[in-house]
């Protein structure tokens, strides 16, 4: 089994359509079909259930897809490590990011790392929370940041960042008459919410908030990114939720952030790592997180007072 077999398999498994997969790989459909048949023959299993109308993965195909992605992730990491060594780096920390991290906070942390240990390469990967947990367990990542502490055995999740949750409304909206908006009023309007599979940790925390109201939610759209949520909110599709830190970074005049009425609802970001004593290089990275948090929060505290 060669990497080209796996590369073709991943394309078909993700597209679930041989013609689209062939176009994605820039090859003809016939040789692609032969490659998949050859892979199935070598493995001795059926990877796809094919009919005239659809193509679906078998259970064996689903298992192979996960393993194939892991193989290419390892290959990519090997390439990155070699390039880092060739560029003069003498160490590498692999950081997984999930659920959206405020740019100002992340950039402050990275700047401090470059200043204090310029010989260490910080490699960032944006992944889902599920992929982060799997990658930490499989030694594909050294550390991660996420908004969930449901990491399972073998991993630790330590709270490091706390950001006020805010509702995002169009610049001209009846709810702007409130300086702090009651949740019962928010859920009367359609909502633009994150995709639970993409922003798993954020969705878990938001669900705890929304679960406090006994009202059926009207979900106008599910989105994968904050930028798309803001675009839809400003266009009047509905209301959205995010952290005060992230909305401040956008500085979009078409939307306004308001805190929720009552006790300030805080979103927690966790530093996720494997159990046990971290290596010295990683321990120094972890030690930089708390001071960066204090510095990065200063402008947000001022903004919080403005919208209170």
C-alpha atoms as a PDB file:
ATOM      1  CA  UNK A   1       0.000   0.000   0.000  1.00  0.00           C
ATOM      2  CA  UNK A   2       1.486   3.310  -1.098  1.00  0.00           C
ATOM      3  CA  UNK A   3       0.754   6.906  -0.170  1.00  0.00           C
ATOM      4  CA  UNK A   4      -0.810   7.478  -3.587  1.00  0.00           C
ATOM      5  CA  UNK A   5      -3.384   4.783  -2.789  1.00  0.00           C
ATOM      6  CA  UNK A   6      -4.280   6.524   0.452  1.00  0.00           C
ATOM      7  CA  UNK A   7      -4.351   9.954  -1.179  1.00  0.00           C
ATOM      8  CA  UNK A   8      -6.843   8.725  -3.780  1.00  0.00           C
ATOM      9  CA  UNK A   9      -8.867   6.904  -1.153  1.00  0.00           C
ATOM     10  CA  UNK A  10      -9.176  10.031   1.014  1.00  0.00           C
ATOM     11  CA  UNK A  11     -10.392  12.063  -1.968  1.00  0.00           C
ATOM     12  CA  UNK A  12     -13.126   9.533  -2.797  1.00  0.00           C
ATOM     13  CA  UNK A  13     -14.044   9.069   0.875  1.00  0.00           C
ATOM     14  CA  UNK A  14     -14.473  12.817   1.382  1.00  0.00           C
ATOM     15  CA  UNK A  15     -16.275  13.513  -1.889  1.00  0.00           C
ATOM     16  CA  UNK A  16     -18.281  10.251  -1.966  1.00  0.00           C
ATOM     17  CA  UNK A  17     -18.337  10.775  -5.711  1.00  0.00           C
ATOM     18  CA  UNK A  18     -15.734   9.319  -8.078  1.00  0.00           C
ATOM     19  CA  UNK A  19     -16.045  12.033 -10.722  1.00  0.00           C
ATOM     20  CA  UNK A  20     -15.599  14.859  -8.208  1.00  0.00           C
ATOM     21  CA  UNK A  21     -12.715  13.023  -6.532  1.00  0.00           C
ATOM     22  CA  UNK A  22     -11.014  12.514  -9.898  1.00  0.00           C
ATOM     23  CA  UNK A  23     -11.379  16.213 -10.721  1.00  0.00           C
ATOM     24  CA  UNK A  24      -9.952  17.093  -7.303  1.00  0.00           C
ATOM     25  CA  UNK A  25      -6.938  14.833  -7.965  1.00  0.00           C
ATOM     26  CA  UNK A  26      -6.574  16.059 -11.561  1.00  0.00           C
ATOM     27  CA  UNK A  27      -6.802  12.543 -13.007  1.00  0.00           C
ATOM     28  CA  UNK A  28      -9.343  10.627 -15.060  1.00  0.00           C
ATOM     29  CA  UNK A  29     -12.099   8.675 -13.349  1.00  0.00           C
ATOM     30  CA  UNK A  30     -11.079   5.286 -14.799  1.00  0.00           C
ATOM     31  CA  UNK A  31      -7.571   5.172 -13.291  1.00  0.00           C
ATOM     32  CA  UNK A  32      -9.001   6.393  -9.985  1.00  0.00           C
ATOM     33  CA  UNK A  33     -11.460   3.492  -9.945  1.00  0.00           C
ATOM     34  CA  UNK A  34      -8.610   1.066 -10.672  1.00  0.00           C
ATOM     35  CA  UNK A  35      -6.536   2.476  -7.812  1.00  0.00           C
ATOM     36  CA  UNK A  36      -9.430   2.021  -5.356  1.00  0.00           C
ATOM     37  CA  UNK A  37     -10.047  -1.540  -6.564  1.00  0.00           C
ATOM     38  CA  UNK A  38      -6.336  -2.296  -6.194  1.00  0.00           C
ATOM     39  CA  UNK A  39      -6.371  -0.894  -2.657  1.00  0.00           C
ATOM     40  CA  UNK A  40      -9.401  -3.004  -1.748  1.00  0.00           C
ATOM     41  CA  UNK A  41      -7.683  -6.087  -3.224  1.00  0.00           C
ATOM     42  CA  UNK A  42      -4.464  -5.483  -1.266  1.00  0.00           C
ATOM     43  CA  UNK A  43      -6.357  -4.943   1.999  1.00  0.00           C
ATOM     44  CA  UNK A  44      -8.808  -7.750   1.364  1.00  0.00           C
ATOM     45  CA  UNK A  45     -11.805  -5.590   2.332  1.00  0.00           C
ATOM     46  CA  UNK A  46     -14.547  -3.596   0.653  1.00  0.00           C
ATOM     47  CA  UNK A  47     -14.091   0.120   1.318  1.00  0.00           C
ATOM     48  CA  UNK A  48     -17.113   1.530  -0.543  1.00  0.00           C
ATOM     49  CA  UNK A  49     -20.684   0.503  -1.184  1.00  0.00           C
ATOM     50  CA  UNK A  50     -21.397   1.664  -4.721  1.00  0.00           C
ATOM     51  CA  UNK A  51     -24.736   1.913  -6.491  1.00  0.00           C
ATOM     52  CA  UNK A  52     -25.833   3.801  -9.574  1.00  0.00           C
ATOM     53  CA  UNK A  53     -27.062   6.599  -7.316  1.00  0.00           C
ATOM     54  CA  UNK A  54     -24.612   6.846  -4.443  1.00  0.00           C
ATOM     55  CA  UNK A  55     -21.231   5.936  -2.979  1.00  0.00           C
ATOM     56  CA  UNK A  56     -20.935   5.228   0.731  1.00  0.00           C
ATOM     57  CA  UNK A  57     -18.121   4.196   3.017  1.00  0.00           C
ATOM     58  CA  UNK A  58     -18.283   0.767   4.630  1.00  0.00           C
ATOM     59  CA  UNK A  59     -17.310   0.456   8.270  1.00  0.00           C
ATOM     60  CA  UNK A  60     -13.863  -0.718   7.143  1.00  0.00           C
ATOM     61  CA  UNK A  61     -13.680   2.352   4.903  1.00  0.00           C
ATOM     62  CA  UNK A  62     -14.509   4.662   7.803  1.00  0.00           C
ATOM     63  CA  UNK A  63     -11.742   3.095   9.895  1.00  0.00           C
ATOM     64  CA  UNK A  64      -9.259   3.437   7.040  1.00  0.00           C
ATOM     65  CA  UNK A  65     -10.217   7.079   6.483  1.00  0.00           C
ATOM     66  CA  UNK A  66      -9.330   7.941  10.063  1.00  0.00           C
ATOM     67  CA  UNK A  67      -6.060   6.025   9.863  1.00  0.00           C
ATOM     68  CA  UNK A  68      -5.174   7.480   6.459  1.00  0.00           C
ATOM     69  CA  UNK A  69      -5.651  11.018   7.725  1.00  0.00           C
ATOM     70  CA  UNK A  70      -3.405  10.186  10.669  1.00  0.00           C
ATOM     71  CA  UNK A  71      -0.730   8.818   8.306  1.00  0.00           C
ATOM     72  CA  UNK A  72      -0.678  12.019   6.268  1.00  0.00           C
ATOM     73  CA  UNK A  73      -0.629  14.114   9.431  1.00  0.00           C
ATOM     74  CA  UNK A  74       2.478  12.215  10.553  1.00  0.00           C
ATOM     75  CA  UNK A  75       4.064  12.647   7.119  1.00  0.00           C
ATOM     76  CA  UNK A  76       3.331  16.381   7.211  1.00  0.00           C
ATOM     77  CA  UNK A  77       4.827  16.642  10.683  1.00  0.00           C
ATOM     78  CA  UNK A  78       7.944  14.819   9.532  1.00  0.00           C
ATOM     79  CA  UNK A  79       8.332  17.266   6.640  1.00  0.00           C
ATOM     80  CA  UNK A  80       7.817  20.226   8.970  1.00  0.00           C
ATOM     81  CA  UNK A  81      10.379  18.880  11.454  1.00  0.00           C
ATOM     82  CA  UNK A  82      12.992  18.467   8.731  1.00  0.00           C
ATOM     83  CA  UNK A  83      12.329  21.975   7.413  1.00  0.00           C
ATOM     84  CA  UNK A  84      12.552  23.385  10.952  1.00  0.00           C
ATOM     85  CA  UNK A  85      15.897  21.682  11.492  1.00  0.00           C
ATOM     86  CA  UNK A  86      17.180  22.955   8.147  1.00  0.00           C
ATOM     87  CA  UNK A  87      16.079  26.489   9.089  1.00  0.00           C
ATOM     88  CA  UNK A  88      18.146  26.366  12.271  1.00  0.00           C
ATOM     89  CA  UNK A  89      15.445  25.610  14.842  1.00  0.00           C
ATOM     90  CA  UNK A  90      16.608  23.402  17.701  1.00  0.00           C
ATOM     91  CA  UNK A  91      13.228  22.480  19.118  1.00  0.00           C
ATOM     92  CA  UNK A  92       9.575  22.268  18.167  1.00  0.00           C
ATOM     93  CA  UNK A  93       6.278  22.644  20.028  1.00  0.00           C
ATOM     94  CA  UNK A  94       3.155  21.444  18.242  1.00  0.00           C
ATOM     95  CA  UNK A  95       0.104  23.435  19.332  1.00  0.00           C
ATOM     96  CA  UNK A  96      -3.477  22.509  18.459  1.00  0.00           C
ATOM     97  CA  UNK A  97      -6.105  25.279  18.404  1.00  0.00           C
ATOM     98  CA  UNK A  98      -9.832  24.576  18.653  1.00  0.00           C
ATOM     99  CA  UNK A  99     -13.022  26.643  19.056  1.00  0.00           C
ATOM    100  CA  UNK A 100     -11.394  29.935  18.058  1.00  0.00           C
ATOM    101  CA  UNK A 101      -8.670  31.697  20.026  1.00  0.00           C
ATOM    102  CA  UNK A 102      -8.567  35.525  20.273  1.00  0.00           C
ATOM    103  CA  UNK A 103      -5.867  36.723  17.878  1.00  0.00           C
ATOM    104  CA  UNK A 104      -4.440  39.372  20.201  1.00  0.00           C
ATOM    105  CA  UNK A 105      -3.930  36.840  22.968  1.00  0.00           C
ATOM    106  CA  UNK A 106      -2.367  34.264  20.682  1.00  0.00           C
ATOM    107  CA  UNK A 107      -0.087  36.783  18.978  1.00  0.00           C
ATOM    108  CA  UNK A 108       1.113  38.076  22.366  1.00  0.00           C
ATOM    109  CA  UNK A 109       1.975  34.539  23.440  1.00  0.00           C
ATOM    110  CA  UNK A 110       3.785  33.761  20.186  1.00  0.00           C
ATOM    111  CA  UNK A 111       5.718  37.035  20.303  1.00  0.00           C
ATOM    112  CA  UNK A 112       6.946  36.243  23.800  1.00  0.00           C
ATOM    113  CA  UNK A 113       7.984  32.752  22.700  1.00  0.00           C
ATOM    114  CA  UNK A 114       9.960  34.146  19.757  1.00  0.00           C
ATOM    115  CA  UNK A 115      11.629  36.737  21.970  1.00  0.00           C
ATOM    116  CA  UNK A 116      12.652  34.347  24.738  1.00  0.00           C
ATOM    117  CA  UNK A 117      13.350  31.187  22.725  1.00  0.00           C
ATOM    118  CA  UNK A 118      13.777  32.087  19.044  1.00  0.00           C
ATOM    119  CA  UNK A 119      15.407  28.724  18.365  1.00  0.00           C
ATOM    120  CA  UNK A 120      12.132  26.889  19.128  1.00  0.00           C
ATOM    121  CA  UNK A 121       9.674  26.485  16.277  1.00  0.00           C
ATOM    122  CA  UNK A 122       6.012  26.876  17.317  1.00  0.00           C
ATOM    123  CA  UNK A 123       3.860  24.866  14.915  1.00  0.00           C
ATOM    124  CA  UNK A 124       0.131  25.731  15.004  1.00  0.00           C
ATOM    125  CA  UNK A 125      -2.718  23.537  13.763  1.00  0.00           C
ATOM    126  CA  UNK A 126      -6.401  24.547  13.673  1.00  0.00           C
ATOM    127  CA  UNK A 127      -8.441  21.403  14.309  1.00  0.00           C
ATOM    128  CA  UNK A 128     -11.736  20.351  15.819  1.00  0.00           C
ATOM    129  CA  UNK A 129     -11.780  19.487  19.504  1.00  0.00           C
ATOM    130  CA  UNK A 130     -12.202  15.791  18.711  1.00  0.00           C
ATOM    131  CA  UNK A 131      -9.161  15.914  16.437  1.00  0.00           C
ATOM    132  CA  UNK A 132      -7.207  17.760  19.117  1.00  0.00           C
ATOM    133  CA  UNK A 133      -7.903  15.106  21.744  1.00  0.00           C
ATOM    134  CA  UNK A 134      -7.038  12.327  19.321  1.00  0.00           C
ATOM    135  CA  UNK A 135      -3.863  14.103  18.244  1.00  0.00           C
ATOM    136  CA  UNK A 136      -2.693  14.663  21.823  1.00  0.00           C
ATOM    137  CA  UNK A 137      -3.268  11.016  22.647  1.00  0.00           C
ATOM    138  CA  UNK A 138      -1.416   9.912  19.504  1.00  0.00           C
ATOM    139  CA  UNK A 139       1.528  12.291  20.106  1.00  0.00           C
ATOM    140  CA  UNK A 140       0.683  14.387  17.044  1.00  0.00           C
ATOM    141  CA  UNK A 141       0.406  17.509  19.243  1.00  0.00           C
ATOM    142  CA  UNK A 142       2.263  18.557  22.370  1.00  0.00           C
ATOM    143  CA  UNK A 143      -0.373  20.920  23.755  1.00  0.00           C
ATOM    144  CA  UNK A 144      -3.702  22.432  22.824  1.00  0.00           C
ATOM    145  CA  UNK A 145      -6.165  25.212  23.553  1.00  0.00           C
ATOM    146  CA  UNK A 146      -9.901  24.446  23.531  1.00  0.00           C
ATOM    147  CA  UNK A 147     -13.155  25.445  25.208  1.00  0.00           C
ATOM    148  CA  UNK A 148     -13.949  21.984  26.540  1.00  0.00           C
ATOM    149  CA  UNK A 149     -12.505  20.045  29.448  1.00  0.00           C
ATOM    150  CA  UNK A 150     -14.074  16.722  28.416  1.00  0.00           C
ATOM    151  CA  UNK A 151     -10.738  15.216  27.442  1.00  0.00           C
ATOM    152  CA  UNK A 152     -10.946  11.707  28.880  1.00  0.00           C
ATOM    153  CA  UNK A 153      -8.262   9.637  30.561  1.00  0.00           C
ATOM    154  CA  UNK A 154      -4.620  10.461  30.029  1.00  0.00           C
ATOM    155  CA  UNK A 155      -5.104  14.179  29.379  1.00  0.00           C
ATOM    156  CA  UNK A 156      -5.369  17.252  31.579  1.00  0.00           C
ATOM    157  CA  UNK A 157      -7.490  20.347  30.873  1.00  0.00           C
ATOM    158  CA  UNK A 158      -6.451  23.402  32.882  1.00  0.00           C
ATOM    159  CA  UNK A 159      -8.535  26.628  32.712  1.00  0.00           C
ATOM    160  CA  UNK A 160      -6.351  29.518  31.562  1.00  0.00           C
ATOM    161  CA  UNK A 161      -8.504  32.125  29.784  1.00  0.00           C
ATOM    162  CA  UNK A 162     -11.873  33.586  30.779  1.00  0.00           C
ATOM    163  CA  UNK A 163     -13.861  35.814  28.412  1.00  0.00           C
ATOM    164  CA  UNK A 164     -17.338  37.337  28.826  1.00  0.00           C
ATOM    165  CA  UNK A 165     -19.976  35.817  26.559  1.00  0.00           C
ATOM    166  CA  UNK A 166     -21.834  38.451  24.531  1.00  0.00           C
ATOM    167  CA  UNK A 167     -24.784  38.461  22.170  1.00  0.00           C
ATOM    168  CA  UNK A 168     -24.102  40.018  18.764  1.00  0.00           C
ATOM    169  CA  UNK A 169     -26.951  42.041  17.228  1.00  0.00           C
ATOM    170  CA  UNK A 170     -27.281  44.221  14.110  1.00  0.00           C
ATOM    171  CA  UNK A 171     -26.361  47.889  14.570  1.00  0.00           C
ATOM    172  CA  UNK A 172     -30.048  48.839  14.364  1.00  0.00           C
ATOM    173  CA  UNK A 173     -32.080  46.420  16.448  1.00  0.00           C
ATOM    174  CA  UNK A 174     -34.766  46.693  19.190  1.00  0.00           C
ATOM    175  CA  UNK A 175     -32.579  44.822  21.698  1.00  0.00           C
ATOM    176  CA  UNK A 176     -30.093  47.691  21.714  1.00  0.00           C
ATOM    177  CA  UNK A 177     -32.451  49.460  24.099  1.00  0.00           C
ATOM    178  CA  UNK A 178     -30.997  47.104  26.726  1.00  0.00           C
ATOM    179  CA  UNK A 179     -27.532  47.742  28.109  1.00  0.00           C
ATOM    180  CA  UNK A 180     -27.564  44.125  29.284  1.00  0.00           C
ATOM    181  CA  UNK A 181     -29.955  41.880  27.378  1.00  0.00           C
ATOM    182  CA  UNK A 182     -32.209  39.323  29.111  1.00  0.00           C
ATOM    183  CA  UNK A 183     -31.712  35.863  27.662  1.00  0.00           C
ATOM    184  CA  UNK A 184     -35.495  35.460  27.408  1.00  0.00           C
ATOM    185  CA  UNK A 185     -35.563  38.404  24.981  1.00  0.00           C
ATOM    186  CA  UNK A 186     -32.662  37.079  22.895  1.00  0.00           C
ATOM    187  CA  UNK A 187     -34.260  33.691  22.206  1.00  0.00           C
ATOM    188  CA  UNK A 188     -37.378  35.376  20.811  1.00  0.00           C
ATOM    189  CA  UNK A 189     -35.338  36.100  17.686  1.00  0.00           C
ATOM    190  CA  UNK A 190     -33.743  33.730  15.141  1.00  0.00           C
ATOM    191  CA  UNK A 191     -30.186  32.720  16.014  1.00  0.00           C
ATOM    192  CA  UNK A 192     -27.050  32.241  13.915  1.00  0.00           C
ATOM    193  CA  UNK A 193     -25.162  29.543  15.798  1.00  0.00           C
ATOM    194  CA  UNK A 194     -21.863  27.739  15.407  1.00  0.00           C
ATOM    195  CA  UNK A 195     -21.682  24.247  13.949  1.00  0.00           C
ATOM    196  CA  UNK A 196     -21.407  21.909  16.978  1.00  0.00           C
ATOM    197  CA  UNK A 197     -18.913  19.667  15.171  1.00  0.00           C
ATOM    198  CA  UNK A 198     -16.616  22.550  14.233  1.00  0.00           C
ATOM    199  CA  UNK A 199     -16.842  24.537  17.503  1.00  0.00           C
ATOM    200  CA  UNK A 200     -17.514  21.651  19.853  1.00  0.00           C
ATOM    201  CA  UNK A 201     -16.207  23.193  23.052  1.00  0.00           C
ATOM    202  CA  UNK A 202     -17.819  26.589  22.480  1.00  0.00           C
ATOM    203  CA  UNK A 203     -21.110  24.874  21.679  1.00  0.00           C
ATOM    204  CA  UNK A 204     -20.969  22.852  24.905  1.00  0.00           C
ATOM    205  CA  UNK A 205     -20.604  26.024  26.972  1.00  0.00           C
ATOM    206  CA  UNK A 206     -23.241  27.918  24.972  1.00  0.00           C
ATOM    207  CA  UNK A 207     -25.710  25.072  25.411  1.00  0.00           C
ATOM    208  CA  UNK A 208     -25.450  25.449  29.176  1.00  0.00           C
ATOM    209  CA  UNK A 209     -26.504  29.078  28.795  1.00  0.00           C
ATOM    210  CA  UNK A 210     -29.308  28.485  26.316  1.00  0.00           C
ATOM    211  CA  UNK A 211     -30.602  25.575  28.359  1.00  0.00           C
ATOM    212  CA  UNK A 212     -31.630  28.030  31.078  1.00  0.00           C
ATOM    213  CA  UNK A 213     -34.656  29.132  29.034  1.00  0.00           C
ATOM    214  CA  UNK A 214     -37.648  26.910  28.429  1.00  0.00           C
ATOM    215  CA  UNK A 215     -38.171  28.043  24.850  1.00  0.00           C
ATOM    216  CA  UNK A 216     -37.741  26.285  21.526  1.00  0.00           C
ATOM    217  CA  UNK A 217     -34.922  28.006  19.666  1.00  0.00           C
ATOM    218  CA  UNK A 218     -35.270  29.243  16.101  1.00  0.00           C
ATOM    219  CA  UNK A 219     -31.956  28.564  14.385  1.00  0.00           C
ATOM    220  CA  UNK A 220     -31.630  30.560  11.177  1.00  0.00           C
ATOM    221  CA  UNK A 221     -28.198  29.253  10.169  1.00  0.00           C
ATOM    222  CA  UNK A 222     -25.340  27.051  11.363  1.00  0.00           C
ATOM    223  CA  UNK A 223     -21.900  28.465  10.529  1.00  0.00           C
ATOM    224  CA  UNK A 224     -18.289  27.300  10.688  1.00  0.00           C
ATOM    225  CA  UNK A 225     -16.565  30.643  11.266  1.00  0.00           C
ATOM    226  CA  UNK A 226     -17.009  33.812  13.273  1.00  0.00           C
ATOM    227  CA  UNK A 227     -16.638  35.927  10.129  1.00  0.00           C
ATOM    228  CA  UNK A 228     -19.640  34.247   8.502  1.00  0.00           C
ATOM    229  CA  UNK A 229     -21.690  34.594  11.678  1.00  0.00           C
ATOM    230  CA  UNK A 230     -20.952  38.321  11.800  1.00  0.00           C
ATOM    231  CA  UNK A 231     -21.835  38.713   8.124  1.00  0.00           C
ATOM    232  CA  UNK A 232     -25.211  37.019   8.620  1.00  0.00           C
ATOM    233  CA  UNK A 233     -25.988  38.936  11.800  1.00  0.00           C
ATOM    234  CA  UNK A 234     -25.177  42.270  10.141  1.00  0.00           C
ATOM    235  CA  UNK A 235     -27.436  41.246   7.236  1.00  0.00           C
ATOM    236  CA  UNK A 236     -30.322  40.666   9.639  1.00  0.00           C
ATOM    237  CA  UNK A 237     -30.500  36.853   9.517  1.00  0.00           C
ATOM    238  CA  UNK A 238     -30.487  36.596  13.306  1.00  0.00           C
ATOM    239  CA  UNK A 239     -28.489  37.096  16.487  1.00  0.00           C
ATOM    240  CA  UNK A 240     -25.204  35.417  17.338  1.00  0.00           C
ATOM    241  CA  UNK A 241     -22.978  34.650  20.306  1.00  0.00           C
ATOM    242  CA  UNK A 242     -19.238  34.968  20.774  1.00  0.00           C
ATOM    243  CA  UNK A 243     -16.716  36.160  23.328  1.00  0.00           C
ATOM    244  CA  UNK A 244     -16.072  39.815  24.044  1.00  0.00           C
ATOM    245  CA  UNK A 245     -12.402  39.314  23.154  1.00  0.00           C
ATOM    246  CA  UNK A 246     -13.132  38.040  19.659  1.00  0.00           C
ATOM    247  CA  UNK A 247     -15.824  40.584  18.779  1.00  0.00           C
ATOM    248  CA  UNK A 248     -13.528  43.424  19.860  1.00  0.00           C
ATOM    249  CA  UNK A 249     -10.892  42.242  17.396  1.00  0.00           C
ATOM    250  CA  UNK A 250     -13.284  42.575  14.466  1.00  0.00           C
ATOM    251  CA  UNK A 251     -14.304  46.185  15.153  1.00  0.00           C
ATOM    252  CA  UNK A 252     -17.256  45.864  12.770  1.00  0.00           C
ATOM    253  CA  UNK A 253     -19.571  48.928  12.867  1.00  0.00           C
ATOM    254  CA  UNK A 254     -22.467  46.887  11.462  1.00  0.00           C
ATOM    255  CA  UNK A 255     -22.858  44.827  14.645  1.00  0.00           C
ATOM    256  CA  UNK A 256     -22.990  45.614  18.367  1.00  0.00           C
ATOM    257  CA  UNK A 257     -22.095  43.376  21.325  1.00  0.00           C
ATOM    258  CA  UNK A 258     -24.162  43.310  24.492  1.00  0.00           C
ATOM    259  CA  UNK A 259     -23.600  41.332  27.660  1.00  0.00           C
ATOM    260  CA  UNK A 260     -26.335  39.115  29.037  1.00  0.00           C
ATOM    261  CA  UNK A 261     -28.426  40.352  31.929  1.00  0.00           C
ATOM    262  CA  UNK A 262     -27.609  38.963  35.354  1.00  0.00           C
ATOM    263  CA  UNK A 263     -24.332  37.376  36.366  1.00  0.00           C
ATOM    264  CA  UNK A 264     -21.586  37.762  33.793  1.00  0.00           C
ATOM    265  CA  UNK A 265     -21.375  34.575  31.752  1.00  0.00           C
ATOM    266  CA  UNK A 266     -17.754  33.640  31.160  1.00  0.00           C
ATOM    267  CA  UNK A 267     -16.389  31.379  28.441  1.00  0.00           C
ATOM    268  CA  UNK A 268     -13.504  29.261  29.660  1.00  0.00           C
ATOM    269  CA  UNK A 269     -10.558  28.299  27.477  1.00  0.00           C
ATOM    270  CA  UNK A 270      -8.539  25.315  28.637  1.00  0.00           C
ATOM    271  CA  UNK A 271      -4.922  24.405  28.092  1.00  0.00           C
ATOM    272  CA  UNK A 272      -4.980  20.702  27.211  1.00  0.00           C
ATOM    273  CA  UNK A 273      -1.959  18.427  27.552  1.00  0.00           C
ATOM    274  CA  UNK A 274      -0.948  14.898  28.399  1.00  0.00           C
ATOM    275  CA  UNK A 275      -0.740  13.880  32.041  1.00  0.00           C
ATOM    276  CA  UNK A 276       2.670  13.810  33.687  1.00  0.00           C
ATOM    277  CA  UNK A 277       5.554  16.223  34.001  1.00  0.00           C
ATOM    278  CA  UNK A 278       6.070  18.131  30.720  1.00  0.00           C
ATOM    279  CA  UNK A 279       9.495  18.391  29.138  1.00  0.00           C
ATOM    280  CA  UNK A 280      11.474  21.523  30.040  1.00  0.00           C
ATOM    281  CA  UNK A 281      10.810  23.239  26.723  1.00  0.00           C
ATOM    282  CA  UNK A 282       7.068  22.608  26.956  1.00  0.00           C
ATOM    283  CA  UNK A 283       7.010  23.607  30.637  1.00  0.00           C
ATOM    284  CA  UNK A 284       8.484  26.986  29.734  1.00  0.00           C
ATOM    285  CA  UNK A 285       5.804  27.446  27.070  1.00  0.00           C
ATOM    286  CA  UNK A 286       3.089  26.636  29.612  1.00  0.00           C
ATOM    287  CA  UNK A 287       4.634  29.075  32.065  1.00  0.00           C
ATOM    288  CA  UNK A 288       4.238  31.909  29.568  1.00  0.00           C
ATOM    289  CA  UNK A 289       0.487  31.457  29.204  1.00  0.00           C
ATOM    290  CA  UNK A 290      -0.686  32.999  32.507  1.00  0.00           C
ATOM    291  CA  UNK A 291       1.325  36.262  32.243  1.00  0.00           C
ATOM    292  CA  UNK A 292       0.131  36.688  28.646  1.00  0.00           C
ATOM    293  CA  UNK A 293      -3.458  36.274  29.802  1.00  0.00           C
ATOM    294  CA  UNK A 294      -3.131  39.147  32.271  1.00  0.00           C
ATOM    295  CA  UNK A 295      -1.644  41.486  29.645  1.00  0.00           C
ATOM    296  CA  UNK A 296      -4.127  40.551  26.942  1.00  0.00           C
ATOM    297  CA  UNK A 297      -7.151  41.041  29.193  1.00  0.00           C
ATOM    298  CA  UNK A 298      -6.368  44.664  30.037  1.00  0.00           C
ATOM    299  CA  UNK A 299      -7.999  46.203  26.907  1.00  0.00           C
ATOM    300  CA  UNK A 300     -10.935  43.793  27.209  1.00  0.00           C
ATOM    301  CA  UNK A 301     -11.696  44.897  30.764  1.00  0.00           C
ATOM    302  CA  UNK A 302     -11.963  48.469  29.488  1.00  0.00           C
ATOM    303  CA  UNK A 303     -14.290  47.392  26.671  1.00  0.00           C
ATOM    304  CA  UNK A 304     -16.373  45.379  29.114  1.00  0.00           C
ATOM    305  CA  UNK A 305     -17.061  48.522  31.143  1.00  0.00           C
ATOM    306  CA  UNK A 306     -18.122  50.355  27.984  1.00  0.00           C
ATOM    307  CA  UNK A 307     -20.833  47.829  27.042  1.00  0.00           C
ATOM    308  CA  UNK A 308     -21.987  47.131  30.603  1.00  0.00           C
END
